[in-house]
Amino acid sequence: MIAVKGEGAVQADGGDWEPATAGQVAHWRAGEEHTTRAVTDLMAVAVEVAGPQ
Protein backbone atom coordinates (compact mmCIF):
# COMPACT_ATOMS: atom_id res chain seq x y z
CA MET A 1 0.00 0.00 0.00
CA ILE A 2 1.27 3.46 -0.88
CA ALA A 3 -0.08 6.32 1.21
CA VAL A 4 -0.65 9.22 -1.17
CA LYS A 5 -2.40 11.80 1.01
CA GLY A 6 -3.48 12.07 4.64
CA GLU A 7 -2.63 9.93 7.62
CA GLY A 8 -3.43 6.36 8.53
CA ALA A 9 -2.06 3.36 10.37
CA VAL A 10 -1.30 -0.23 9.38
CA GLN A 11 -1.10 -3.43 11.36
CA ALA A 12 0.19 -6.88 10.43
CA ASP A 13 -0.46 -10.21 12.16
CA GLY A 14 -2.01 -8.53 15.21
CA GLY A 15 1.15 -6.52 15.93
CA ASP A 16 1.48 -2.87 16.84
CA TRP A 17 -0.21 -0.19 14.76
CA GLU A 18 2.38 1.69 12.70
CA PRO A 19 1.75 5.16 11.26
CA ALA A 20 1.35 5.52 7.50
CA THR A 21 1.59 9.03 6.09
CA ALA A 22 1.85 10.45 2.58
CA GLY A 23 4.87 9.04 0.76
CA GLN A 24 5.19 5.90 2.89
CA VAL A 25 4.80 2.34 1.67
CA ALA A 26 3.50 -0.66 3.64
CA HIS A 27 4.36 -4.17 2.42
CA TRP A 28 2.81 -7.45 3.50
CA ARG A 29 3.83 -10.97 2.54
CA ALA A 30 1.35 -13.16 0.68
CA GLY A 31 -1.18 -14.57 3.14
CA GLU A 32 -0.13 -12.26 5.98
CA GLU A 33 -3.15 -10.94 7.93
CA HIS A 34 -3.21 -7.16 7.86
CA THR A 35 -5.46 -4.15 8.24
CA THR A 36 -5.38 -0.43 7.52
CA ARG A 37 -7.23 2.45 9.14
CA ALA A 38 -7.53 6.14 8.39
CA VAL A 39 -6.58 8.70 11.03
CA THR A 40 -7.49 11.63 8.74
CA ASP A 41 -8.85 11.44 5.21
CA LEU A 42 -6.51 8.87 3.67
CA MET A 43 -5.86 8.32 0.00
CA ALA A 44 -3.85 5.19 -0.72
CA VAL A 45 -2.99 2.96 -3.65
CA ALA A 46 -3.04 -0.81 -3.17
CA VAL A 47 -0.90 -2.96 -5.46
CA GLU A 48 -1.23 -6.74 -5.47
CA VAL A 49 1.25 -8.91 -7.33
CA ALA A 50 0.93 -12.63 -7.99
CA GLY A 51 3.88 -14.74 -6.87
CA PRO A 52 5.69 -17.27 -9.03
CA GLN A 53 3.31 -19.64 -10.76
PDB file of N, CA and C in Angstrom:
ATOM      1  N   MET A   1       0.835  -1.145   0.000  1.00  0.00           N
ATOM      2  CA  MET A   1       0.000   0.000   0.000  1.00  0.00           C
ATOM      3  C   MET A   1       0.894   1.226   0.000  1.00  0.00           C
ATOM      4  N   ILE A   2       0.527   2.204  -0.820  1.00  0.00           N
ATOM      5  CA  ILE A   2       1.265   3.463  -0.876  1.00  0.00           C
ATOM      6  C   ILE A   2       0.334   4.566  -0.376  1.00  0.00           C
ATOM      7  N   ALA A   3       0.703   5.199   0.702  1.00  0.00           N
ATOM      8  CA  ALA A   3      -0.082   6.324   1.213  1.00  0.00           C
ATOM      9  C   ALA A   3       0.215   7.537   0.342  1.00  0.00           C
ATOM     10  N   VAL A   4      -0.824   8.096  -0.259  1.00  0.00           N
ATOM     11  CA  VAL A   4      -0.653   9.222  -1.174  1.00  0.00           C
ATOM     12  C   VAL A   4      -0.951  10.548  -0.481  1.00  0.00           C
ATOM     13  N   LYS A   5      -1.979  10.555   0.358  1.00  0.00           N
ATOM     14  CA  LYS A   5      -2.403  11.798   1.009  1.00  0.00           C
ATOM     15  C   LYS A   5      -3.045  11.446   2.343  1.00  0.00           C
ATOM     16  N   GLY A   6      -2.844  12.279   3.345  1.00  0.00           N
ATOM     17  CA  GLY A   6      -3.482  12.070   4.636  1.00  0.00           C
ATOM     18  C   GLY A   6      -2.639  11.220   5.571  1.00  0.00           C
ATOM     19  N   GLU A   7      -3.302  10.737   6.612  1.00  0.00           N
ATOM     20  CA  GLU A   7      -2.625   9.926   7.622  1.00  0.00           C
ATOM     21  C   GLU A   7      -3.457   8.698   7.942  1.00  0.00           C
ATOM     22  N   GLY A   8      -2.766   7.595   8.157  1.00  0.00           N
ATOM     23  CA  GLY A   8      -3.425   6.362   8.531  1.00  0.00           C
ATOM     24  C   GLY A   8      -2.511   5.534   9.407  1.00  0.00           C
ATOM     25  N   ALA A   9      -2.879   4.285   9.598  1.00  0.00           N
ATOM     26  CA  ALA A   9      -2.064   3.357  10.369  1.00  0.00           C
ATOM     27  C   ALA A   9      -2.277   1.963   9.785  1.00  0.00           C
ATOM     28  N   VAL A  10      -1.237   1.144   9.883  1.00  0.00           N
ATOM     29  CA  VAL A  10      -1.304  -0.225   9.381  1.00  0.00           C
ATOM     30  C   VAL A  10      -0.896  -1.192  10.484  1.00  0.00           C
ATOM     31  N   GLN A  11      -1.405  -2.404  10.369  1.00  0.00           N
ATOM     32  CA  GLN A  11      -1.103  -3.434  11.359  1.00  0.00           C
ATOM     33  C   GLN A  11      -0.957  -4.763  10.618  1.00  0.00           C
ATOM     34  N   ALA A  12      -0.008  -5.559  11.034  1.00  0.00           N
ATOM     35  CA  ALA A  12       0.195  -6.877  10.427  1.00  0.00           C
ATOM     36  C   ALA A  12       0.232  -7.943  11.512  1.00  0.00           C
ATOM     37  N   ASP A  13      -0.456  -9.052  11.264  1.00  0.00           N
ATOM     38  CA  ASP A  13      -0.459 -10.211  12.163  1.00  0.00           C
ATOM     39  C   ASP A  13      -0.734  -9.851  13.619  1.00  0.00           C
ATOM     40  N   GLY A  14      -1.635  -8.878  13.852  1.00  0.00           N
ATOM     41  CA  GLY A  14      -2.010  -8.528  15.212  1.00  0.00           C
ATOM     42  C   GLY A  14      -0.955  -7.750  15.973  1.00  0.00           C
ATOM     43  N   GLY A  15       0.078  -7.270  15.282  1.00  0.00           N
ATOM     44  CA  GLY A  15       1.151  -6.520  15.930  1.00  0.00           C
ATOM     45  C   GLY A  15       0.745  -5.093  16.247  1.00  0.00           C
ATOM     46  N   ASP A  16       1.723  -4.283  16.522  1.00  0.00           N
ATOM     47  CA  ASP A  16       1.481  -2.875  16.839  1.00  0.00           C
ATOM     48  C   ASP A  16       1.009  -2.121  15.607  1.00  0.00           C
ATOM     49  N   TRP A  17       0.195  -1.093  15.827  1.00  0.00           N
ATOM     50  CA  TRP A  17      -0.206  -0.190  14.757  1.00  0.00           C
ATOM     51  C   TRP A  17       0.981   0.707  14.429  1.00  0.00           C
ATOM     52  N   GLU A  18       1.279   0.837  13.157  1.00  0.00           N
ATOM     53  CA  GLU A  18       2.378   1.686  12.696  1.00  0.00           C
ATOM     54  C   GLU A  18       1.790   2.817  11.859  1.00  0.00           C
ATOM     55  N   PRO A  19       2.285   4.051  12.047  1.00  0.00           N
ATOM     56  CA  PRO A  19       1.752   5.164  11.265  1.00  0.00           C
ATOM     57  C   PRO A  19       2.065   5.010   9.780  1.00  0.00           C
ATOM     58  N   ALA A  20       1.156   5.502   8.953  1.00  0.00           N
ATOM     59  CA  ALA A  20       1.352   5.520   7.504  1.00  0.00           C
ATOM     60  C   ALA A  20       0.926   6.900   7.015  1.00  0.00           C
ATOM     61  N   THR A  21       1.887   7.689   6.566  1.00  0.00           N
ATOM     62  CA  THR A  21       1.595   9.035   6.085  1.00  0.00           C
ATOM     63  C   THR A  21       2.005   9.154   4.622  1.00  0.00           C
ATOM     64  N   ALA A  22       1.585  10.228   4.000  1.00  0.00           N
ATOM     65  CA  ALA A  22       1.850  10.446   2.578  1.00  0.00           C
ATOM     66  C   ALA A  22       3.317  10.178   2.245  1.00  0.00           C
ATOM     67  N   GLY A  23       3.518   9.372   1.216  1.00  0.00           N
ATOM     68  CA  GLY A  23       4.871   9.036   0.760  1.00  0.00           C
ATOM     69  C   GLY A  23       5.405   7.733   1.327  1.00  0.00           C
ATOM     70  N   GLN A  24       4.723   7.150   2.290  1.00  0.00           N
ATOM     71  CA  GLN A  24       5.192   5.897   2.887  1.00  0.00           C
ATOM     72  C   GLN A  24       4.546   4.691   2.215  1.00  0.00           C
ATOM     73  N   VAL A  25       5.263   3.588   2.263  1.00  0.00           N
ATOM     74  CA  VAL A  25       4.801   2.337   1.671  1.00  0.00           C
ATOM     75  C   VAL A  25       4.714   1.275   2.766  1.00  0.00           C
ATOM     76  N   ALA A  26       3.640   0.491   2.746  1.00  0.00           N
ATOM     77  CA  ALA A  26       3.503  -0.660   3.640  1.00  0.00           C
ATOM     78  C   ALA A  26       3.506  -1.911   2.764  1.00  0.00           C
ATOM     79  N   HIS A  27       4.233  -2.933   3.192  1.00  0.00           N
ATOM     80  CA  HIS A  27       4.363  -4.172   2.420  1.00  0.00           C
ATOM     81  C   HIS A  27       3.999  -5.348   3.306  1.00  0.00           C
ATOM     82  N   TRP A  28       3.170  -6.241   2.777  1.00  0.00           N
ATOM     83  CA  TRP A  28       2.806  -7.448   3.500  1.00  0.00           C
ATOM     84  C   TRP A  28       3.132  -8.654   2.639  1.00  0.00           C
ATOM     85  N   ARG A  29       3.559  -9.720   3.258  1.00  0.00           N
ATOM     86  CA  ARG A  29       3.827 -10.974   2.544  1.00  0.00           C
ATOM     87  C   ARG A  29       2.512 -11.628   2.145  1.00  0.00           C
ATOM     88  N   ALA A  30       2.545 -12.436   1.121  1.00  0.00           N
ATOM     89  CA  ALA A  30       1.352 -13.156   0.678  1.00  0.00           C
ATOM     90  C   ALA A  30       0.785 -13.964   1.845  1.00  0.00           C
ATOM     91  N   GLY A  31      -0.511 -13.827   2.074  1.00  0.00           N
ATOM     92  CA  GLY A  31      -1.176 -14.573   3.137  1.00  0.00           C
ATOM     93  C   GLY A  31      -1.074 -13.960   4.517  1.00  0.00           C
ATOM     94  N   GLU A  32      -0.290 -12.903   4.669  1.00  0.00           N
ATOM     95  CA  GLU A  32      -0.135 -12.255   5.978  1.00  0.00           C
ATOM     96  C   GLU A  32      -1.405 -11.465   6.315  1.00  0.00           C
ATOM     97  N   GLU A  33      -1.972 -11.696   7.492  1.00  0.00           N
ATOM     98  CA  GLU A  33      -3.147 -10.940   7.927  1.00  0.00           C
ATOM     99  C   GLU A  33      -2.731  -9.491   8.164  1.00  0.00           C
ATOM    100  N   HIS A  34      -3.547  -8.563   7.682  1.00  0.00           N
ATOM    101  CA  HIS A  34      -3.214  -7.155   7.857  1.00  0.00           C
ATOM    102  C   HIS A  34      -4.474  -6.304   7.802  1.00  0.00           C
ATOM    103  N   THR A  35      -4.352  -5.092   8.289  1.00  0.00           N
ATOM    104  CA  THR A  35      -5.459  -4.148   8.238  1.00  0.00           C
ATOM    105  C   THR A  35      -4.907  -2.727   8.172  1.00  0.00           C
ATOM    106  N   THR A  36      -5.741  -1.834   7.669  1.00  0.00           N
ATOM    107  CA  THR A  36      -5.379  -0.428   7.517  1.00  0.00           C
ATOM    108  C   THR A  36      -6.522   0.412   8.068  1.00  0.00           C
ATOM    109  N   ARG A  37      -6.186   1.528   8.691  1.00  0.00           N
ATOM    110  CA  ARG A  37      -7.232   2.451   9.136  1.00  0.00           C
ATOM    111  C   ARG A  37      -6.799   3.884   8.842  1.00  0.00           C
ATOM    112  N   ALA A  38      -7.786   4.726   8.639  1.00  0.00           N
ATOM    113  CA  ALA A  38      -7.530   6.141   8.390  1.00  0.00           C
ATOM    114  C   ALA A  38      -7.545   6.900   9.706  1.00  0.00           C
ATOM    115  N   VAL A  39      -6.602   7.810   9.881  1.00  0.00           N
ATOM    116  CA  VAL A  39      -6.578   8.704  11.028  1.00  0.00           C
ATOM    117  C   VAL A  39      -7.203  10.038  10.601  1.00  0.00           C
ATOM    118  N   THR A  40      -6.839  10.508   9.410  1.00  0.00           N
ATOM    119  CA  THR A  40      -7.495  11.633   8.742  1.00  0.00           C
ATOM    120  C   THR A  40      -7.955  11.079   7.396  1.00  0.00           C
ATOM    121  N   ASP A  41      -8.513  11.918   6.549  1.00  0.00           N
ATOM    122  CA  ASP A  41      -8.853  11.438   5.211  1.00  0.00           C
ATOM    123  C   ASP A  41      -7.598  10.833   4.601  1.00  0.00           C
ATOM    124  N   LEU A  42      -7.681   9.588   4.183  1.00  0.00           N
ATOM    125  CA  LEU A  42      -6.514   8.870   3.668  1.00  0.00           C
ATOM    126  C   LEU A  42      -6.761   8.450   2.234  1.00  0.00           C
ATOM    127  N   MET A  43      -5.845   8.808   1.360  1.00  0.00           N
ATOM    128  CA  MET A  43      -5.863   8.321  -0.005  1.00  0.00           C
ATOM    129  C   MET A  43      -4.671   7.391  -0.149  1.00  0.00           C
ATOM    130  N   ALA A  44      -4.929   6.172  -0.590  1.00  0.00           N
ATOM    131  CA  ALA A  44      -3.853   5.186  -0.720  1.00  0.00           C
ATOM    132  C   ALA A  44      -4.055   4.367  -1.989  1.00  0.00           C
ATOM    133  N   VAL A  45      -2.962   3.822  -2.478  1.00  0.00           N
ATOM    134  CA  VAL A  45      -2.993   2.959  -3.654  1.00  0.00           C
ATOM    135  C   VAL A  45      -2.563   1.572  -3.196  1.00  0.00           C
ATOM    136  N   ALA A  46      -3.379   0.578  -3.501  1.00  0.00           N
ATOM    137  CA  ALA A  46      -3.038  -0.813  -3.168  1.00  0.00           C
ATOM    138  C   ALA A  46      -2.574  -1.515  -4.437  1.00  0.00           C
ATOM    139  N   VAL A  47      -1.462  -2.219  -4.330  1.00  0.00           N
ATOM    140  CA  VAL A  47      -0.899  -2.963  -5.458  1.00  0.00           C
ATOM    141  C   VAL A  47      -0.750  -4.406  -5.024  1.00  0.00           C
ATOM    142  N   GLU A  48      -1.366  -5.316  -5.757  1.00  0.00           N
ATOM    143  CA  GLU A  48      -1.226  -6.736  -5.471  1.00  0.00           C
ATOM    144  C   GLU A  48      -0.509  -7.403  -6.639  1.00  0.00           C
ATOM    145  N   VAL A  49       0.451  -8.242  -6.309  1.00  0.00           N
ATOM    146  CA  VAL A  49       1.246  -8.909  -7.327  1.00  0.00           C
ATOM    147  C   VAL A  49       1.207 -10.415  -7.077  1.00  0.00           C
ATOM    148  N   ALA A  50       0.943 -11.176  -8.113  1.00  0.00           N
ATOM    149  CA  ALA A  50       0.933 -12.626  -7.988  1.00  0.00           C
ATOM    150  C   ALA A  50       2.382 -13.127  -7.861  1.00  0.00           C
ATOM    151  N   GLY A  51       2.553 -14.138  -7.033  1.00  0.00           N
ATOM    152  CA  GLY A  51       3.875 -14.740  -6.870  1.00  0.00           C
ATOM    153  C   GLY A  51       4.179 -15.666  -8.025  1.00  0.00           C
ATOM    154  N   PRO A  52       5.307 -16.338  -7.963  1.00  0.00           N
ATOM    155  CA  PRO A  52       5.692 -17.266  -9.029  1.00  0.00           C
ATOM    156  C   PRO A  52       4.600 -18.327  -9.221  1.00  0.00           C
ATOM    157  N   GLN A  53       4.327 -18.645 -10.427  1.00  0.00           N
ATOM    158  CA  GLN A  53       3.308 -19.644 -10.764  1.00  0.00           C
ATOM    159  C   GLN A  53       3.923 -21.007 -10.905  1.00  0.00           C
TER     160      GLN A  53
END
